[in-house]
N, C-alpha and C. Protein backbone atom coordinates (compact mmCIF):
# COMPACT_ATOMS: atom_id res chain seq x y z
N MET A 1 4.05 2.26 -3.00
CA MET A 1 4.10 1.11 -2.13
C MET A 1 4.34 -0.14 -2.92
N LEU A 2 4.08 -0.09 -4.19
CA LEU A 2 3.96 -1.37 -4.82
C LEU A 2 5.09 -1.83 -5.70
N PRO A 3 5.72 -0.94 -6.48
CA PRO A 3 6.78 -1.50 -7.29
C PRO A 3 7.84 -2.11 -6.39
N CYS A 4 8.23 -3.34 -6.68
CA CYS A 4 9.18 -4.05 -5.82
C CYS A 4 10.50 -3.32 -5.74
N ASN A 5 10.86 -2.52 -6.75
CA ASN A 5 12.15 -1.88 -6.76
C ASN A 5 12.07 -0.38 -6.50
N SER A 6 10.92 0.16 -6.11
CA SER A 6 10.80 1.60 -5.92
C SER A 6 10.11 1.90 -4.60
N ALA A 7 10.87 2.39 -3.64
CA ALA A 7 10.33 2.66 -2.32
C ALA A 7 9.92 4.11 -2.17
N LYS A 8 10.39 5.03 -3.01
CA LYS A 8 10.15 6.46 -2.84
C LYS A 8 8.67 6.83 -2.74
N PRO A 9 7.78 6.36 -3.65
CA PRO A 9 6.37 6.76 -3.53
C PRO A 9 5.75 6.33 -2.20
N LEU A 10 6.08 5.15 -1.72
CA LEU A 10 5.54 4.68 -0.45
C LEU A 10 5.99 5.58 0.69
N PHE A 11 7.27 5.89 0.72
CA PHE A 11 7.79 6.66 1.84
C PHE A 11 7.27 8.08 1.83
N LEU A 12 7.04 8.67 0.64
CA LEU A 12 6.45 10.00 0.58
C LEU A 12 5.03 9.96 1.12
N PHE A 13 4.31 8.90 0.80
CA PHE A 13 2.95 8.74 1.33
C PHE A 13 2.99 8.59 2.85
N LEU A 14 3.94 7.83 3.34
CA LEU A 14 4.06 7.60 4.78
C LEU A 14 4.41 8.89 5.52
N ILE A 15 5.26 9.72 4.92
CA ILE A 15 5.60 11.00 5.54
C ILE A 15 4.34 11.85 5.69
N LEU A 16 3.49 11.85 4.67
CA LEU A 16 2.23 12.58 4.74
C LEU A 16 1.40 12.10 5.92
N ILE A 17 1.29 10.81 6.09
CA ILE A 17 0.50 10.25 7.17
C ILE A 17 1.09 10.66 8.52
N LEU A 18 2.40 10.64 8.64
CA LEU A 18 3.03 11.05 9.90
C LEU A 18 2.73 12.51 10.22
N LEU A 19 2.73 13.36 9.20
CA LEU A 19 2.38 14.76 9.43
C LEU A 19 0.94 14.88 9.94
N LEU A 20 0.05 14.08 9.38
CA LEU A 20 -1.33 14.09 9.84
C LEU A 20 -1.43 13.61 11.29
N CYS A 21 -0.64 12.60 11.62
CA CYS A 21 -0.69 12.04 12.97
C CYS A 21 -0.18 13.02 14.01
N ALA A 22 0.72 13.89 13.61
CA ALA A 22 1.26 14.87 14.54
C ALA A 22 0.25 15.96 14.88
N ALA A 23 -0.88 15.98 14.19
CA ALA A 23 -1.89 17.00 14.43
C ALA A 23 -2.52 16.90 15.81
N GLY A 24 -2.38 15.78 16.47
CA GLY A 24 -2.92 15.64 17.82
C GLY A 24 -3.90 14.50 17.91
N PRO A 25 -4.33 14.17 19.13
CA PRO A 25 -5.22 13.03 19.32
C PRO A 25 -6.62 13.28 18.78
N GLY A 26 -7.16 12.23 18.17
CA GLY A 26 -8.57 12.25 17.78
C GLY A 26 -8.95 13.29 16.77
N VAL A 27 -8.31 13.34 15.62
CA VAL A 27 -8.70 14.26 14.56
C VAL A 27 -9.73 13.55 13.69
N TYR A 28 -10.83 14.22 13.40
CA TYR A 28 -11.87 13.65 12.54
C TYR A 28 -12.14 14.62 11.41
N ALA A 29 -12.28 14.10 10.19
CA ALA A 29 -12.51 14.98 9.05
C ALA A 29 -13.49 14.34 8.10
N GLU A 30 -14.44 15.09 7.63
CA GLU A 30 -15.37 14.65 6.60
C GLU A 30 -14.80 15.08 5.25
N ASN A 31 -14.93 14.21 4.24
CA ASN A 31 -14.44 14.49 2.90
C ASN A 31 -13.00 15.00 2.92
N ALA A 32 -12.14 14.27 3.59
CA ALA A 32 -10.75 14.69 3.75
C ALA A 32 -10.02 14.64 2.42
N ALA A 33 -9.35 15.70 2.08
CA ALA A 33 -8.47 15.74 0.92
C ALA A 33 -7.18 16.38 1.38
N VAL A 34 -6.08 15.68 1.22
CA VAL A 34 -4.81 16.14 1.74
C VAL A 34 -3.82 16.22 0.60
N ARG A 35 -3.04 17.30 0.56
CA ARG A 35 -2.02 17.46 -0.46
C ARG A 35 -0.74 17.92 0.21
N THR A 36 0.37 17.44 -0.31
CA THR A 36 1.66 17.89 0.19
C THR A 36 2.66 17.87 -0.94
N THR A 37 3.60 18.79 -0.90
CA THR A 37 4.69 18.77 -1.86
C THR A 37 5.97 19.06 -1.10
N GLY A 38 7.03 18.61 -1.62
CA GLY A 38 8.33 18.87 -1.04
C GLY A 38 9.33 19.01 -2.15
N LYS A 39 10.52 19.40 -1.81
CA LYS A 39 11.57 19.60 -2.80
C LYS A 39 11.82 18.30 -3.56
N GLY A 40 11.56 18.29 -4.85
CA GLY A 40 11.79 17.11 -5.67
C GLY A 40 10.77 16.00 -5.49
N GLN A 41 9.69 16.25 -4.78
CA GLN A 41 8.70 15.21 -4.52
C GLN A 41 7.43 15.48 -5.31
N GLU A 42 6.77 14.39 -5.71
CA GLU A 42 5.48 14.54 -6.38
C GLU A 42 4.41 14.77 -5.33
N LYS A 43 3.37 15.47 -5.74
CA LYS A 43 2.23 15.73 -4.86
C LYS A 43 1.56 14.41 -4.49
N ILE A 44 1.11 14.30 -3.26
CA ILE A 44 0.34 13.15 -2.79
C ILE A 44 -1.05 13.66 -2.44
N GLN A 45 -2.06 12.98 -2.90
CA GLN A 45 -3.43 13.37 -2.55
C GLN A 45 -4.17 12.15 -2.03
N VAL A 46 -4.75 12.30 -0.85
CA VAL A 46 -5.55 11.24 -0.26
C VAL A 46 -6.94 11.81 -0.02
N SER A 47 -7.96 11.10 -0.47
CA SER A 47 -9.32 11.54 -0.20
C SER A 47 -10.11 10.36 0.35
N ALA A 48 -11.04 10.68 1.24
CA ALA A 48 -11.88 9.66 1.87
C ALA A 48 -13.06 10.36 2.51
N ALA A 49 -14.07 9.60 2.88
CA ALA A 49 -15.22 10.18 3.57
C ALA A 49 -14.84 10.63 4.97
N THR A 50 -13.94 9.88 5.64
CA THR A 50 -13.59 10.17 7.02
C THR A 50 -12.12 9.88 7.27
N LEU A 51 -11.50 10.71 8.09
CA LEU A 51 -10.15 10.47 8.58
C LEU A 51 -10.19 10.49 10.09
N THR A 52 -9.65 9.43 10.73
CA THR A 52 -9.56 9.36 12.18
C THR A 52 -8.11 9.13 12.55
N VAL A 53 -7.58 9.96 13.44
CA VAL A 53 -6.22 9.79 13.93
C VAL A 53 -6.31 9.58 15.43
N ASP A 54 -5.71 8.50 15.92
CA ASP A 54 -5.69 8.20 17.35
C ASP A 54 -4.23 8.08 17.78
N SER A 55 -3.69 9.15 18.37
CA SER A 55 -2.28 9.14 18.74
C SER A 55 -2.01 8.20 19.91
N GLY A 56 -2.99 7.93 20.75
CA GLY A 56 -2.82 6.98 21.84
C GLY A 56 -2.64 5.56 21.34
N ALA A 57 -3.44 5.18 20.36
CA ALA A 57 -3.35 3.84 19.77
C ALA A 57 -2.34 3.81 18.61
N LYS A 58 -1.82 4.97 18.23
CA LYS A 58 -0.79 5.11 17.20
C LYS A 58 -1.24 4.62 15.84
N TYR A 59 -2.37 5.16 15.38
CA TYR A 59 -2.80 4.86 14.01
C TYR A 59 -3.57 6.03 13.42
N ALA A 60 -3.62 6.04 12.10
CA ALA A 60 -4.45 6.96 11.34
C ALA A 60 -5.23 6.11 10.36
N GLU A 61 -6.53 6.40 10.22
CA GLU A 61 -7.37 5.58 9.35
C GLU A 61 -8.25 6.46 8.46
N PHE A 62 -8.13 6.23 7.15
CA PHE A 62 -9.02 6.83 6.16
C PHE A 62 -10.09 5.80 5.87
N THR A 63 -11.37 6.20 5.85
CA THR A 63 -12.44 5.26 5.55
C THR A 63 -13.43 5.87 4.56
N GLY A 64 -14.07 5.01 3.80
CA GLY A 64 -15.10 5.41 2.85
C GLY A 64 -14.54 5.93 1.55
N ASN A 65 -14.58 5.12 0.52
CA ASN A 65 -14.13 5.52 -0.82
C ASN A 65 -12.73 6.14 -0.79
N VAL A 66 -11.79 5.43 -0.21
CA VAL A 66 -10.43 5.94 -0.08
C VAL A 66 -9.74 5.91 -1.45
N ARG A 67 -9.06 6.99 -1.74
CA ARG A 67 -8.28 7.09 -2.98
C ARG A 67 -6.99 7.84 -2.64
N ALA A 68 -5.86 7.18 -2.83
CA ALA A 68 -4.56 7.79 -2.60
C ALA A 68 -3.82 7.81 -3.93
N VAL A 69 -3.30 8.99 -4.31
CA VAL A 69 -2.65 9.16 -5.60
C VAL A 69 -1.31 9.86 -5.41
N GLN A 70 -0.28 9.31 -6.04
CA GLN A 70 1.00 9.99 -6.16
C GLN A 70 1.57 9.63 -7.52
N GLY A 71 1.73 10.63 -8.35
CA GLY A 71 2.21 10.38 -9.71
C GLY A 71 1.26 9.43 -10.41
N SER A 72 1.79 8.34 -10.95
CA SER A 72 0.96 7.38 -11.67
C SER A 72 0.48 6.23 -10.78
N THR A 73 0.83 6.26 -9.48
CA THR A 73 0.38 5.21 -8.56
C THR A 73 -0.94 5.63 -7.92
N VAL A 74 -1.93 4.74 -8.00
CA VAL A 74 -3.26 5.01 -7.43
C VAL A 74 -3.68 3.82 -6.58
N ILE A 75 -4.08 4.10 -5.34
CA ILE A 75 -4.60 3.06 -4.45
C ILE A 75 -6.03 3.42 -4.11
N THR A 76 -6.95 2.47 -4.31
CA THR A 76 -8.34 2.67 -3.89
C THR A 76 -8.72 1.52 -2.97
N ALA A 77 -9.54 1.82 -1.98
CA ALA A 77 -9.98 0.80 -1.01
C ALA A 77 -11.13 1.37 -0.20
N ASN A 78 -11.79 0.50 0.56
CA ASN A 78 -12.81 0.97 1.48
C ASN A 78 -12.20 1.64 2.70
N SER A 79 -11.00 1.15 3.12
CA SER A 79 -10.31 1.79 4.23
C SER A 79 -8.80 1.62 4.08
N LEU A 80 -8.06 2.56 4.68
CA LEU A 80 -6.61 2.53 4.68
C LEU A 80 -6.17 2.92 6.09
N LYS A 81 -5.52 1.99 6.80
CA LYS A 81 -5.13 2.23 8.19
C LYS A 81 -3.62 2.14 8.32
N ILE A 82 -3.03 3.18 8.95
CA ILE A 82 -1.59 3.27 9.10
C ILE A 82 -1.24 3.20 10.58
N PHE A 83 -0.42 2.23 10.95
CA PHE A 83 0.06 2.08 12.32
C PHE A 83 1.48 2.66 12.36
N TYR A 84 1.77 3.51 13.36
CA TYR A 84 3.06 4.18 13.39
C TYR A 84 3.68 4.15 14.78
N LYS A 85 4.98 4.45 14.79
CA LYS A 85 5.74 4.59 16.03
C LYS A 85 5.93 6.07 16.30
N THR A 86 5.97 6.47 17.55
CA THR A 86 6.30 7.85 17.90
C THR A 86 7.81 7.97 18.01
N GLY A 87 8.31 9.20 18.09
CA GLY A 87 9.74 9.43 18.21
C GLY A 87 10.37 8.69 19.37
N SER A 88 9.68 8.60 20.51
CA SER A 88 10.24 7.90 21.66
C SER A 88 10.27 6.39 21.47
N ASP A 89 9.38 5.86 20.62
CA ASP A 89 9.35 4.43 20.33
C ASP A 89 10.45 4.06 19.33
N ASN A 90 10.93 5.05 18.61
CA ASN A 90 11.78 4.80 17.46
C ASN A 90 13.12 5.50 17.65
N LYS A 91 14.03 4.90 18.37
CA LYS A 91 15.32 5.50 18.70
C LYS A 91 16.25 5.55 17.50
N GLU A 92 16.07 4.67 16.53
CA GLU A 92 16.93 4.65 15.36
C GLU A 92 16.19 5.17 14.13
N LYS A 93 15.48 6.26 14.30
CA LYS A 93 14.67 6.84 13.23
C LYS A 93 15.55 7.27 12.06
N SER A 94 15.20 6.84 10.88
CA SER A 94 15.98 7.19 9.70
C SER A 94 15.55 8.54 9.15
N ALA A 95 16.38 9.11 8.31
CA ALA A 95 16.08 10.42 7.72
C ALA A 95 14.84 10.35 6.84
N SER A 96 14.54 9.18 6.26
CA SER A 96 13.38 9.06 5.37
C SER A 96 12.08 8.81 6.13
N ASN A 97 12.16 8.67 7.44
CA ASN A 97 10.99 8.37 8.28
C ASN A 97 10.42 7.00 8.01
N GLU A 98 11.15 6.14 7.30
CA GLU A 98 10.67 4.80 6.97
C GLU A 98 10.32 4.03 8.23
N ASP A 99 11.15 4.13 9.25
CA ASP A 99 10.94 3.34 10.45
C ASP A 99 9.84 3.90 11.33
N SER A 100 9.27 5.06 11.02
CA SER A 100 8.21 5.65 11.81
C SER A 100 6.86 4.98 11.59
N VAL A 101 6.69 4.35 10.44
CA VAL A 101 5.45 3.63 10.15
C VAL A 101 5.74 2.15 10.27
N GLU A 102 4.95 1.47 11.08
CA GLU A 102 5.14 0.03 11.27
C GLU A 102 4.43 -0.79 10.20
N LYS A 103 3.17 -0.41 9.92
CA LYS A 103 2.35 -1.25 9.04
C LYS A 103 1.25 -0.40 8.41
N ILE A 104 0.88 -0.76 7.19
CA ILE A 104 -0.24 -0.13 6.48
C ILE A 104 -1.17 -1.25 6.04
N ILE A 105 -2.46 -1.07 6.31
CA ILE A 105 -3.45 -2.08 5.91
C ILE A 105 -4.55 -1.39 5.09
N ALA A 106 -4.74 -1.86 3.86
CA ALA A 106 -5.85 -1.41 3.02
C ALA A 106 -6.85 -2.55 2.98
N GLU A 107 -8.14 -2.24 3.18
CA GLU A 107 -9.16 -3.30 3.20
C GLU A 107 -10.37 -2.92 2.35
N GLY A 108 -10.99 -3.95 1.81
CA GLY A 108 -12.24 -3.79 1.08
C GLY A 108 -12.04 -3.30 -0.34
N SER A 109 -12.20 -4.18 -1.30
CA SER A 109 -12.08 -3.84 -2.72
C SER A 109 -10.80 -3.06 -3.01
N VAL A 110 -9.68 -3.60 -2.57
CA VAL A 110 -8.39 -2.93 -2.74
C VAL A 110 -7.95 -3.05 -4.20
N LYS A 111 -7.55 -1.93 -4.77
CA LYS A 111 -7.04 -1.91 -6.14
C LYS A 111 -5.84 -0.96 -6.15
N ILE A 112 -4.72 -1.45 -6.65
CA ILE A 112 -3.50 -0.66 -6.69
C ILE A 112 -3.00 -0.65 -8.13
N LYS A 113 -2.91 0.55 -8.72
CA LYS A 113 -2.41 0.69 -10.09
C LYS A 113 -1.04 1.34 -10.02
N PHE A 114 -0.04 0.69 -10.63
CA PHE A 114 1.30 1.24 -10.67
C PHE A 114 2.00 0.74 -11.93
N GLU A 115 2.80 1.61 -12.53
CA GLU A 115 3.47 1.29 -13.79
C GLU A 115 2.42 0.73 -14.74
N ASP A 116 2.66 -0.46 -15.29
CA ASP A 116 1.68 -1.08 -16.19
C ASP A 116 0.95 -2.22 -15.48
N LYS A 117 0.93 -2.19 -14.15
CA LYS A 117 0.37 -3.29 -13.37
C LYS A 117 -0.85 -2.84 -12.58
N VAL A 118 -1.71 -3.82 -12.28
CA VAL A 118 -2.86 -3.61 -11.41
C VAL A 118 -2.91 -4.77 -10.43
N ALA A 119 -2.96 -4.44 -9.14
CA ALA A 119 -3.10 -5.46 -8.10
C ALA A 119 -4.48 -5.30 -7.48
N GLU A 120 -5.18 -6.41 -7.29
CA GLU A 120 -6.52 -6.38 -6.70
C GLU A 120 -6.60 -7.43 -5.61
N SER A 121 -7.23 -7.08 -4.48
CA SER A 121 -7.39 -8.04 -3.38
C SER A 121 -8.44 -7.53 -2.41
N ASP A 122 -8.79 -8.40 -1.46
CA ASP A 122 -9.69 -7.99 -0.38
C ASP A 122 -8.93 -7.17 0.65
N GLN A 123 -7.63 -7.50 0.84
CA GLN A 123 -6.81 -6.81 1.82
C GLN A 123 -5.37 -6.75 1.33
N ALA A 124 -4.70 -5.63 1.61
CA ALA A 124 -3.28 -5.48 1.32
C ALA A 124 -2.61 -4.98 2.60
N THR A 125 -1.53 -5.65 3.01
CA THR A 125 -0.80 -5.26 4.22
C THR A 125 0.67 -5.06 3.85
N TYR A 126 1.22 -3.91 4.27
CA TYR A 126 2.63 -3.63 4.04
C TYR A 126 3.30 -3.40 5.38
N THR A 127 4.39 -4.13 5.65
CA THR A 127 5.16 -3.93 6.87
C THR A 127 6.51 -3.34 6.49
N THR A 128 6.87 -2.23 7.16
CA THR A 128 8.08 -1.51 6.79
C THR A 128 9.36 -2.20 7.25
N GLN A 129 9.33 -2.86 8.38
CA GLN A 129 10.56 -3.47 8.90
C GLN A 129 11.12 -4.51 7.95
N ASP A 130 10.26 -5.39 7.44
CA ASP A 130 10.75 -6.43 6.53
C ASP A 130 10.47 -6.12 5.06
N LYS A 131 9.81 -4.98 4.78
CA LYS A 131 9.51 -4.53 3.42
C LYS A 131 8.76 -5.59 2.63
N VAL A 132 7.68 -6.08 3.23
CA VAL A 132 6.87 -7.13 2.60
C VAL A 132 5.45 -6.60 2.40
N LEU A 133 4.93 -6.80 1.20
CA LEU A 133 3.55 -6.47 0.86
C LEU A 133 2.82 -7.78 0.66
N VAL A 134 1.67 -7.95 1.36
CA VAL A 134 0.89 -9.18 1.26
C VAL A 134 -0.52 -8.83 0.80
N LEU A 135 -0.94 -9.43 -0.30
CA LEU A 135 -2.31 -9.30 -0.81
C LEU A 135 -3.05 -10.56 -0.43
N THR A 136 -4.23 -10.43 0.21
CA THR A 136 -5.00 -11.60 0.60
C THR A 136 -6.45 -11.47 0.17
N GLY A 137 -7.07 -12.62 -0.03
CA GLY A 137 -8.45 -12.69 -0.46
C GLY A 137 -8.57 -13.75 -1.54
N SER A 138 -9.71 -14.34 -1.67
CA SER A 138 -9.88 -15.48 -2.59
C SER A 138 -9.61 -15.12 -4.04
N THR A 139 -9.71 -13.86 -4.39
CA THR A 139 -9.49 -13.48 -5.78
C THR A 139 -8.36 -12.46 -5.91
N SER A 140 -7.32 -12.58 -5.07
CA SER A 140 -6.16 -11.68 -5.19
C SER A 140 -5.52 -11.90 -6.55
N LYS A 141 -5.19 -10.80 -7.22
CA LYS A 141 -4.72 -10.92 -8.60
C LYS A 141 -3.78 -9.76 -8.94
N ILE A 142 -2.75 -10.07 -9.71
CA ILE A 142 -1.88 -9.05 -10.26
C ILE A 142 -1.90 -9.22 -11.77
N THR A 143 -2.15 -8.13 -12.48
CA THR A 143 -2.21 -8.13 -13.93
C THR A 143 -1.15 -7.19 -14.46
N SER A 144 -0.42 -7.63 -15.46
CA SER A 144 0.56 -6.81 -16.15
C SER A 144 0.38 -7.05 -17.64
N GLY A 145 -0.17 -6.08 -18.32
CA GLY A 145 -0.50 -6.27 -19.74
C GLY A 145 -1.52 -7.36 -19.88
N ASN A 146 -1.21 -8.39 -20.69
CA ASN A 146 -2.11 -9.53 -20.87
C ASN A 146 -1.84 -10.67 -19.90
N ASP A 147 -0.78 -10.54 -19.09
CA ASP A 147 -0.39 -11.59 -18.16
C ASP A 147 -1.03 -11.33 -16.79
N SER A 148 -1.32 -12.43 -16.08
CA SER A 148 -1.89 -12.27 -14.74
C SER A 148 -1.55 -13.47 -13.86
N ILE A 149 -1.55 -13.21 -12.56
CA ILE A 149 -1.35 -14.26 -11.55
C ILE A 149 -2.47 -14.09 -10.53
N THR A 150 -3.13 -15.20 -10.17
CA THR A 150 -4.22 -15.17 -9.21
C THR A 150 -3.96 -16.21 -8.12
N GLY A 151 -4.26 -15.84 -6.88
CA GLY A 151 -4.12 -16.76 -5.75
C GLY A 151 -4.82 -16.19 -4.54
N SER A 152 -4.87 -16.95 -3.48
CA SER A 152 -5.53 -16.44 -2.28
C SER A 152 -4.60 -15.57 -1.45
N LYS A 153 -3.28 -15.70 -1.68
CA LYS A 153 -2.30 -14.89 -0.98
C LYS A 153 -1.11 -14.65 -1.91
N ILE A 154 -0.80 -13.38 -2.13
CA ILE A 154 0.34 -13.00 -2.97
C ILE A 154 1.26 -12.16 -2.10
N THR A 155 2.52 -12.59 -2.00
CA THR A 155 3.48 -11.90 -1.15
C THR A 155 4.62 -11.35 -1.99
N PHE A 156 4.88 -10.02 -1.86
CA PHE A 156 6.01 -9.37 -2.51
C PHE A 156 7.09 -9.17 -1.46
N TYR A 157 8.26 -9.71 -1.69
CA TYR A 157 9.41 -9.48 -0.82
C TYR A 157 10.25 -8.40 -1.51
N ARG A 158 10.01 -7.15 -1.12
CA ARG A 158 10.62 -6.03 -1.83
C ARG A 158 12.14 -5.99 -1.69
N ALA A 159 12.69 -6.49 -0.61
CA ALA A 159 14.13 -6.44 -0.40
C ALA A 159 14.90 -7.20 -1.48
N ASP A 160 14.35 -8.31 -1.94
CA ASP A 160 15.06 -9.10 -2.96
C ASP A 160 14.24 -9.34 -4.23
N GLY A 161 13.05 -8.75 -4.32
CA GLY A 161 12.26 -8.84 -5.54
C GLY A 161 11.49 -10.13 -5.76
N ARG A 162 11.44 -11.00 -4.74
CA ARG A 162 10.71 -12.26 -4.89
C ARG A 162 9.21 -12.03 -4.78
N ILE A 163 8.44 -12.92 -5.42
CA ILE A 163 6.98 -12.94 -5.31
C ILE A 163 6.57 -14.38 -5.05
N LYS A 164 5.71 -14.58 -4.07
CA LYS A 164 5.19 -15.93 -3.77
C LYS A 164 3.67 -15.88 -3.88
N VAL A 165 3.10 -16.82 -4.61
CA VAL A 165 1.65 -16.89 -4.79
C VAL A 165 1.18 -18.21 -4.20
N GLU A 166 0.16 -18.14 -3.33
CA GLU A 166 -0.35 -19.33 -2.65
C GLU A 166 -1.81 -19.57 -3.01
N SER A 167 -2.20 -20.85 -3.00
CA SER A 167 -3.58 -21.23 -3.29
C SER A 167 -4.37 -21.34 -2.00
N SER A 168 -5.67 -21.51 -2.17
CA SER A 168 -6.54 -21.84 -1.04
C SER A 168 -6.96 -23.30 -1.21
N LYS A 169 -7.68 -23.85 -0.25
CA LYS A 169 -8.16 -25.22 -0.38
C LYS A 169 -9.15 -25.36 -1.54
N GLU A 170 -9.89 -24.28 -1.80
CA GLU A 170 -10.93 -24.32 -2.83
C GLU A 170 -10.42 -24.00 -4.23
N LYS A 171 -9.31 -23.22 -4.32
CA LYS A 171 -8.91 -22.72 -5.63
C LYS A 171 -7.39 -22.72 -5.76
N PRO A 172 -6.87 -23.31 -6.86
CA PRO A 172 -5.41 -23.33 -7.05
C PRO A 172 -4.89 -21.97 -7.53
N VAL A 173 -3.58 -21.83 -7.52
CA VAL A 173 -2.94 -20.67 -8.12
C VAL A 173 -3.15 -20.75 -9.63
N GLU A 174 -3.42 -19.62 -10.25
CA GLU A 174 -3.60 -19.58 -11.69
C GLU A 174 -2.69 -18.51 -12.27
N ALA A 175 -2.04 -18.83 -13.37
CA ALA A 175 -1.20 -17.87 -14.07
C ALA A 175 -1.54 -17.91 -15.55
N VAL A 176 -1.67 -16.74 -16.13
CA VAL A 176 -1.87 -16.61 -17.57
C VAL A 176 -0.69 -15.80 -18.07
N LEU A 177 0.18 -16.48 -18.85
CA LEU A 177 1.40 -15.84 -19.33
C LEU A 177 1.48 -15.97 -20.84
N HIS A 178 1.77 -14.90 -21.50
CA HIS A 178 1.91 -14.89 -22.95
C HIS A 178 3.39 -14.91 -23.27
N SER A 179 3.82 -15.85 -24.08
CA SER A 179 5.23 -16.03 -24.36
C SER A 179 5.78 -15.10 -25.43
N GLY A 180 4.94 -14.39 -26.12
CA GLY A 180 5.41 -13.48 -27.17
C GLY A 180 5.37 -14.16 -28.52
N GLU A 181 6.01 -13.52 -29.50
CA GLU A 181 5.95 -13.99 -30.88
C GLU A 181 6.62 -15.33 -31.11
N LYS A 182 7.75 -15.60 -30.45
CA LYS A 182 8.52 -16.81 -30.72
C LYS A 182 7.98 -18.04 -30.02
N GLY A 183 7.14 -17.86 -29.03
CA GLY A 183 6.66 -19.01 -28.28
C GLY A 183 7.74 -19.49 -27.33
N ILE A 184 7.54 -20.64 -26.76
CA ILE A 184 8.50 -21.21 -25.82
C ILE A 184 9.56 -21.96 -26.61
N GLU A 185 10.81 -21.58 -26.40
CA GLU A 185 11.92 -22.25 -27.14
C GLU A 185 12.74 -23.10 -26.23
């Protein structure tokens, strides 16, 4: 979900969720652990204390010590809720099933590890239509090596690779950047 230039891990995760949603209305699971593999795809594993799927409201929610792993990408949170469209809602469904999921919301002590980066926030929201990931919370932070950016709202525009960091009234945006051996020239 997180690398601005790599959509494959997110979409594989979303396909897993769609398969779970197709299981029928009101599925509840204690200590849910889900694994899936496909041709050329890395295994995805999601674990949580509880999984609730509501096909009427069109969402699936993992709650309690949520951990989602695919390859080197790891997402942890208190809850992970996926809002989706059904086949009848989605007339222009793509082969990747990207358009089947409308939005993903991770809440509570959200931590996302990918590549050499770590993103932390109170809430992370990803919308598939505009391919935007928004991290919110007073201490939202992205760290890459020794560099970091902190703000109350961090927005990744995956379509063009832009990142926008916003302050709150109480706290400004903060950036710690190391220029390397040569310094600023």
